[in-house]
Amino acid sequence: INAEYMGGIGSFLGSLMSKTPSVQRLLAAEKKAAESTEEAKRNKIKKLKQAKIDAEIEIQKYREQREAQHQQFLRENESAGDGDHQLVIAQADKDIVRVKKLAAERTQQVASLVVQLVSTVKM
């Protein structure tokens, strides 16, 4: 198809549309619909951005609340941890004393057994 032919058809249609009032109304309605659609898209994007900001604020508030609860829990249980720590140390000290006493008793027995084995010669 020839470019002049297409250009001629376009100008013919353009002149025909500009002369018909119903075509003008249709074009105006299409333009208004396109503008409304664009406005709706802009509003949607604006609302999504605001929702994201609001969600980030809520997440930060929740984080701060949970961190405060965690710190409170640590403060409340800190003293109990010290008591448990002291109890463990006391028990370990008792066990060390008991093991040293047992070692002293057994050292004497082992020494006697070694002397007896060394002094006894089998033939």
N, C-alpha and C. Protein backbone atom coordinates (compact mmCIF):
# COMPACT_ATOMS: atom_id res chain seq x y z
N ILE A 1 0.87 -1.17 0.00
CA ILE A 1 0.00 0.00 0.00
C ILE A 1 0.91 1.23 0.00
N ASN A 2 0.52 2.15 -0.75
CA ASN A 2 1.27 3.37 -0.96
C ASN A 2 1.14 4.29 0.25
N ALA A 3 2.24 4.97 0.64
CA ALA A 3 2.24 5.88 1.78
C ALA A 3 1.32 7.07 1.52
N GLU A 4 1.27 7.53 0.27
CA GLU A 4 0.39 8.65 -0.05
C GLU A 4 -1.06 8.24 0.13
N TYR A 5 -1.34 7.00 -0.24
CA TYR A 5 -2.70 6.48 -0.12
C TYR A 5 -3.10 6.45 1.34
N MET A 6 -2.19 5.92 2.19
CA MET A 6 -2.47 5.83 3.62
C MET A 6 -2.61 7.23 4.22
N GLY A 7 -1.73 8.11 3.83
CA GLY A 7 -1.82 9.47 4.32
C GLY A 7 -3.12 10.13 3.89
N GLY A 8 -3.55 9.84 2.70
CA GLY A 8 -4.80 10.39 2.20
C GLY A 8 -5.99 9.87 2.97
N ILE A 9 -5.96 8.56 3.29
CA ILE A 9 -7.05 7.95 4.06
C ILE A 9 -7.08 8.56 5.45
N GLY A 10 -5.89 8.73 6.05
CA GLY A 10 -5.81 9.31 7.38
C GLY A 10 -6.37 10.71 7.42
N SER A 11 -6.03 11.50 6.43
CA SER A 11 -6.54 12.87 6.43
C SER A 11 -8.03 12.89 6.15
N PHE A 12 -8.49 11.97 5.31
CA PHE A 12 -9.92 11.87 5.03
C PHE A 12 -10.69 11.50 6.31
N LEU A 13 -10.17 10.48 7.02
CA LEU A 13 -10.83 10.07 8.27
C LEU A 13 -10.76 11.18 9.30
N GLY A 14 -9.60 11.85 9.36
CA GLY A 14 -9.45 12.95 10.31
C GLY A 14 -10.44 14.06 10.03
N SER A 15 -10.63 14.39 8.79
CA SER A 15 -11.57 15.46 8.46
C SER A 15 -13.00 14.99 8.69
N LEU A 16 -13.26 13.70 8.43
CA LEU A 16 -14.60 13.16 8.64
C LEU A 16 -14.94 13.18 10.14
N MET A 17 -13.96 12.77 10.98
CA MET A 17 -14.21 12.72 12.41
C MET A 17 -14.38 14.11 13.00
N SER A 18 -13.62 15.05 12.50
CA SER A 18 -13.71 16.39 13.07
C SER A 18 -15.04 17.04 12.74
N LYS A 19 -15.71 16.53 11.71
CA LYS A 19 -16.98 17.12 11.31
C LYS A 19 -18.17 16.47 12.00
N THR A 20 -18.02 15.26 12.52
CA THR A 20 -19.14 14.54 13.10
C THR A 20 -19.17 14.80 14.60
N PRO A 21 -20.27 15.35 15.14
CA PRO A 21 -20.33 15.64 16.57
C PRO A 21 -20.30 14.38 17.44
N SER A 22 -20.91 13.32 17.00
CA SER A 22 -20.90 12.10 17.82
C SER A 22 -19.50 11.51 17.90
N VAL A 23 -18.73 11.64 16.84
CA VAL A 23 -17.35 11.16 16.85
C VAL A 23 -16.54 12.03 17.81
N GLN A 24 -16.81 13.31 17.81
CA GLN A 24 -16.12 14.22 18.73
C GLN A 24 -16.42 13.85 20.18
N ARG A 25 -17.67 13.55 20.46
CA ARG A 25 -18.05 13.14 21.82
C ARG A 25 -17.38 11.84 22.20
N LEU A 26 -17.32 10.92 21.22
CA LEU A 26 -16.67 9.63 21.47
C LEU A 26 -15.18 9.84 21.79
N LEU A 27 -14.52 10.67 21.02
CA LEU A 27 -13.10 10.94 21.26
C LEU A 27 -12.89 11.61 22.62
N ALA A 28 -13.78 12.53 22.95
CA ALA A 28 -13.69 13.20 24.25
C ALA A 28 -13.90 12.20 25.38
N ALA A 29 -14.86 11.30 25.19
CA ALA A 29 -15.12 10.29 26.22
C ALA A 29 -13.93 9.36 26.38
N GLU A 30 -13.29 8.96 25.26
CA GLU A 30 -12.11 8.11 25.32
C GLU A 30 -10.96 8.82 26.03
N LYS A 31 -10.80 10.12 25.72
CA LYS A 31 -9.75 10.90 26.37
C LYS A 31 -10.01 11.00 27.86
N LYS A 32 -11.25 11.25 28.23
CA LYS A 32 -11.61 11.35 29.65
C LYS A 32 -11.39 10.01 30.36
N ALA A 33 -11.74 8.90 29.69
CA ALA A 33 -11.54 7.57 30.27
C ALA A 33 -10.06 7.29 30.47
N ALA A 34 -9.23 7.69 29.50
CA ALA A 34 -7.79 7.48 29.61
C ALA A 34 -7.23 8.30 30.77
N GLU A 35 -7.70 9.54 30.91
CA GLU A 35 -7.26 10.39 32.01
C GLU A 35 -7.69 9.81 33.36
N SER A 36 -8.92 9.31 33.41
CA SER A 36 -9.42 8.70 34.65
C SER A 36 -8.61 7.47 35.01
N THR A 37 -8.28 6.67 34.00
CA THR A 37 -7.47 5.47 34.24
C THR A 37 -6.09 5.85 34.76
N GLU A 38 -5.47 6.86 34.16
CA GLU A 38 -4.16 7.32 34.61
C GLU A 38 -4.23 7.85 36.05
N GLU A 39 -5.27 8.60 36.34
CA GLU A 39 -5.45 9.13 37.70
C GLU A 39 -5.62 7.99 38.70
N ALA A 40 -6.40 6.98 38.32
CA ALA A 40 -6.60 5.82 39.20
C ALA A 40 -5.27 5.09 39.43
N LYS A 41 -4.46 4.96 38.38
CA LYS A 41 -3.15 4.31 38.52
C LYS A 41 -2.26 5.11 39.46
N ARG A 42 -2.23 6.44 39.29
CA ARG A 42 -1.42 7.27 40.17
C ARG A 42 -1.89 7.16 41.62
N ASN A 43 -3.20 7.17 41.82
CA ASN A 43 -3.74 7.04 43.18
C ASN A 43 -3.38 5.69 43.79
N LYS A 44 -3.46 4.64 42.97
CA LYS A 44 -3.14 3.30 43.46
C LYS A 44 -1.67 3.23 43.89
N ILE A 45 -0.79 3.78 43.06
CA ILE A 45 0.64 3.78 43.39
C ILE A 45 0.88 4.59 44.66
N LYS A 46 0.21 5.74 44.76
CA LYS A 46 0.35 6.59 45.95
C LYS A 46 -0.11 5.84 47.21
N LYS A 47 -1.24 5.13 47.11
CA LYS A 47 -1.75 4.38 48.26
C LYS A 47 -0.82 3.22 48.62
N LEU A 48 -0.28 2.55 47.62
CA LEU A 48 0.64 1.44 47.89
C LEU A 48 1.90 1.95 48.59
N LYS A 49 2.42 3.09 48.13
CA LYS A 49 3.61 3.66 48.78
C LYS A 49 3.30 4.03 50.23
N GLN A 50 2.13 4.62 50.47
CA GLN A 50 1.74 5.00 51.83
C GLN A 50 1.54 3.75 52.70
N ALA A 51 0.96 2.70 52.11
CA ALA A 51 0.76 1.46 52.86
C ALA A 51 2.11 0.85 53.24
N LYS A 52 3.08 0.94 52.33
CA LYS A 52 4.42 0.42 52.63
C LYS A 52 5.05 1.20 53.78
N ILE A 53 4.93 2.52 53.74
CA ILE A 53 5.47 3.35 54.81
C ILE A 53 4.80 3.01 56.14
N ASP A 54 3.47 2.88 56.12
CA ASP A 54 2.73 2.55 57.34
C ASP A 54 3.14 1.19 57.88
N ALA A 55 3.33 0.23 56.97
CA ALA A 55 3.74 -1.11 57.39
C ALA A 55 5.13 -1.08 58.02
N GLU A 56 6.04 -0.31 57.44
CA GLU A 56 7.39 -0.21 58.01
C GLU A 56 7.35 0.41 59.39
N ILE A 57 6.48 1.40 59.58
CA ILE A 57 6.34 2.03 60.89
C ILE A 57 5.81 1.02 61.90
N GLU A 58 4.79 0.24 61.51
CA GLU A 58 4.23 -0.77 62.40
C GLU A 58 5.26 -1.84 62.74
N ILE A 59 6.03 -2.25 61.76
CA ILE A 59 7.06 -3.27 61.99
C ILE A 59 8.09 -2.73 62.98
N GLN A 60 8.50 -1.48 62.81
CA GLN A 60 9.48 -0.89 63.72
C GLN A 60 8.92 -0.80 65.14
N LYS A 61 7.66 -0.40 65.27
CA LYS A 61 7.04 -0.34 66.60
C LYS A 61 7.00 -1.72 67.24
N TYR A 62 6.65 -2.74 66.46
CA TYR A 62 6.58 -4.11 66.98
C TYR A 62 7.97 -4.57 67.42
N ARG A 63 8.99 -4.27 66.59
CA ARG A 63 10.36 -4.64 66.95
C ARG A 63 10.77 -4.01 68.27
N GLU A 64 10.46 -2.72 68.40
CA GLU A 64 10.83 -2.02 69.63
C GLU A 64 10.09 -2.60 70.83
N GLN A 65 8.83 -2.95 70.65
CA GLN A 65 8.04 -3.54 71.74
C GLN A 65 8.63 -4.89 72.15
N ARG A 66 8.95 -5.73 71.16
CA ARG A 66 9.51 -7.05 71.47
C ARG A 66 10.90 -6.92 72.11
N GLU A 67 11.69 -5.95 71.66
CA GLU A 67 13.01 -5.74 72.25
C GLU A 67 12.87 -5.31 73.70
N ALA A 68 11.92 -4.43 73.98
CA ALA A 68 11.68 -3.99 75.36
C ALA A 68 11.24 -5.18 76.22
N GLN A 69 10.38 -6.04 75.69
CA GLN A 69 9.96 -7.23 76.45
C GLN A 69 11.14 -8.15 76.70
N HIS A 70 12.01 -8.30 75.70
CA HIS A 70 13.18 -9.16 75.85
C HIS A 70 14.13 -8.60 76.93
N GLN A 71 14.35 -7.29 76.89
CA GLN A 71 15.23 -6.68 77.89
C GLN A 71 14.64 -6.82 79.29
N GLN A 72 13.33 -6.66 79.41
CA GLN A 72 12.65 -6.84 80.71
C GLN A 72 12.83 -8.27 81.20
N PHE A 73 12.66 -9.24 80.29
CA PHE A 73 12.85 -10.65 80.63
C PHE A 73 14.27 -10.90 81.13
N LEU A 74 15.25 -10.32 80.42
CA LEU A 74 16.64 -10.49 80.84
C LEU A 74 16.88 -9.90 82.21
N ARG A 75 16.32 -8.71 82.48
CA ARG A 75 16.50 -8.08 83.80
C ARG A 75 15.86 -8.93 84.89
N GLU A 76 14.69 -9.46 84.63
CA GLU A 76 13.99 -10.26 85.64
C GLU A 76 14.71 -11.57 85.93
N ASN A 77 15.33 -12.15 84.93
CA ASN A 77 15.96 -13.46 85.09
C ASN A 77 17.46 -13.37 85.34
N GLU A 78 17.99 -12.17 85.34
CA GLU A 78 19.41 -12.00 85.57
C GLU A 78 19.81 -12.43 86.98
N SER A 79 19.04 -12.03 87.96
CA SER A 79 19.38 -12.38 89.34
C SER A 79 19.23 -13.87 89.58
N ALA A 80 18.24 -14.48 88.95
CA ALA A 80 18.08 -15.94 89.08
C ALA A 80 19.27 -16.65 88.48
N GLY A 81 19.82 -16.11 87.43
CA GLY A 81 21.00 -16.69 86.79
C GLY A 81 22.20 -16.62 87.71
N ASP A 82 22.33 -15.53 88.44
CA ASP A 82 23.43 -15.39 89.39
C ASP A 82 23.33 -16.43 90.49
N GLY A 83 22.12 -16.66 90.98
CA GLY A 83 21.92 -17.66 92.02
C GLY A 83 22.27 -19.05 91.53
N ASP A 84 21.86 -19.35 90.32
CA ASP A 84 22.20 -20.65 89.73
C ASP A 84 23.71 -20.77 89.55
N HIS A 85 24.32 -19.70 89.15
CA HIS A 85 25.77 -19.70 88.95
C HIS A 85 26.49 -19.96 90.27
N GLN A 86 26.06 -19.30 91.31
CA GLN A 86 26.66 -19.50 92.64
C GLN A 86 26.45 -20.93 93.13
N LEU A 87 25.27 -21.47 92.86
CA LEU A 87 24.97 -22.85 93.25
C LEU A 87 25.89 -23.84 92.53
N VAL A 88 26.10 -23.61 91.26
CA VAL A 88 26.98 -24.48 90.48
C VAL A 88 28.41 -24.40 91.00
N ILE A 89 28.87 -23.21 91.30
CA ILE A 89 30.23 -23.04 91.83
C ILE A 89 30.38 -23.76 93.17
N ALA A 90 29.39 -23.62 94.05
CA ALA A 90 29.43 -24.28 95.36
C ALA A 90 29.47 -25.80 95.19
N GLN A 91 28.66 -26.32 94.29
CA GLN A 91 28.63 -27.77 94.05
C GLN A 91 29.97 -28.24 93.48
N ALA A 92 30.55 -27.45 92.58
CA ALA A 92 31.85 -27.82 92.00
C ALA A 92 32.92 -27.84 93.09
N ASP A 93 32.89 -26.85 93.98
CA ASP A 93 33.87 -26.82 95.08
C ASP A 93 33.73 -28.07 95.97
N LYS A 94 32.51 -28.45 96.27
CA LYS A 94 32.28 -29.66 97.08
C LYS A 94 32.83 -30.89 96.36
N ASP A 95 32.58 -30.97 95.06
CA ASP A 95 33.06 -32.12 94.29
C ASP A 95 34.59 -32.16 94.27
N ILE A 96 35.22 -31.01 94.16
CA ILE A 96 36.69 -30.95 94.15
C ILE A 96 37.25 -31.44 95.48
N VAL A 97 36.67 -31.01 96.58
CA VAL A 97 37.12 -31.45 97.91
C VAL A 97 36.95 -32.97 98.04
N ARG A 98 35.80 -33.48 97.61
CA ARG A 98 35.53 -34.92 97.70
C ARG A 98 36.53 -35.71 96.86
N VAL A 99 36.83 -35.25 95.65
CA VAL A 99 37.77 -35.96 94.77
C VAL A 99 39.19 -35.92 95.35
N LYS A 100 39.59 -34.78 95.91
CA LYS A 100 40.93 -34.69 96.51
C LYS A 100 41.05 -35.64 97.70
N LYS A 101 40.00 -35.71 98.54
CA LYS A 101 40.01 -36.61 99.70
C LYS A 101 40.11 -38.06 99.23
N LEU A 102 39.31 -38.40 98.21
CA LEU A 102 39.32 -39.77 97.67
C LEU A 102 40.69 -40.10 97.07
N ALA A 103 41.28 -39.13 96.38
CA ALA A 103 42.61 -39.35 95.79
C ALA A 103 43.65 -39.58 96.88
N ALA A 104 43.57 -38.83 97.97
CA ALA A 104 44.52 -39.01 99.07
C ALA A 104 44.38 -40.41 99.67
N GLU A 105 43.13 -40.86 99.87
CA GLU A 105 42.92 -42.20 100.41
C GLU A 105 43.44 -43.26 99.45
N ARG A 106 43.16 -43.12 98.20
CA ARG A 106 43.57 -44.13 97.22
C ARG A 106 45.07 -44.10 96.97
N THR A 107 45.69 -42.95 97.11
CA THR A 107 47.14 -42.86 96.91
C THR A 107 47.85 -43.75 97.91
N GLN A 108 47.40 -43.71 99.15
CA GLN A 108 47.99 -44.55 100.19
C GLN A 108 47.81 -46.03 99.83
N GLN A 109 46.62 -46.41 99.39
CA GLN A 109 46.35 -47.80 99.04
C GLN A 109 47.20 -48.24 97.83
N VAL A 110 47.30 -47.36 96.84
CA VAL A 110 48.09 -47.69 95.65
C VAL A 110 49.55 -47.82 96.02
N ALA A 111 50.06 -46.95 96.86
CA ALA A 111 51.47 -47.02 97.27
C ALA A 111 51.74 -48.34 98.00
N SER A 112 50.84 -48.73 98.87
CA SER A 112 51.02 -50.01 99.59
C SER A 112 51.01 -51.17 98.62
N LEU A 113 50.14 -51.16 97.67
CA LEU A 113 50.05 -52.24 96.70
C LEU A 113 51.31 -52.30 95.83
N VAL A 114 51.83 -51.17 95.44
CA VAL A 114 53.05 -51.13 94.62
C VAL A 114 54.23 -51.69 95.42
N VAL A 115 54.36 -51.28 96.68
CA VAL A 115 55.46 -51.78 97.52
C VAL A 115 55.35 -53.30 97.68
N GLN A 116 54.15 -53.77 97.87
CA GLN A 116 53.95 -55.21 98.05
C GLN A 116 54.31 -55.95 96.77
N LEU A 117 53.92 -55.45 95.63
CA LEU A 117 54.22 -56.12 94.36
C LEU A 117 55.73 -56.10 94.05
N VAL A 118 56.36 -55.02 94.36
CA VAL A 118 57.78 -54.89 94.06
C VAL A 118 58.61 -55.80 95.00
N SER A 119 58.18 -55.87 96.25
CA SER A 119 58.94 -56.65 97.22
C SER A 119 58.71 -58.14 97.07
N THR A 120 57.63 -58.52 96.47
CA THR A 120 57.35 -59.94 96.29
C THR A 120 57.87 -60.39 94.95
N VAL A 121 58.76 -61.38 94.98
CA VAL A 121 59.35 -61.90 93.76
C VAL A 121 58.85 -63.32 93.55
N LYS A 122 58.34 -63.58 92.44
CA LYS A 122 57.86 -64.92 92.13
C LYS A 122 58.91 -65.65 91.32
N MET A 123 59.08 -66.94 91.68
CA MET A 123 60.05 -67.75 90.96
C MET A 123 59.44 -68.98 90.44
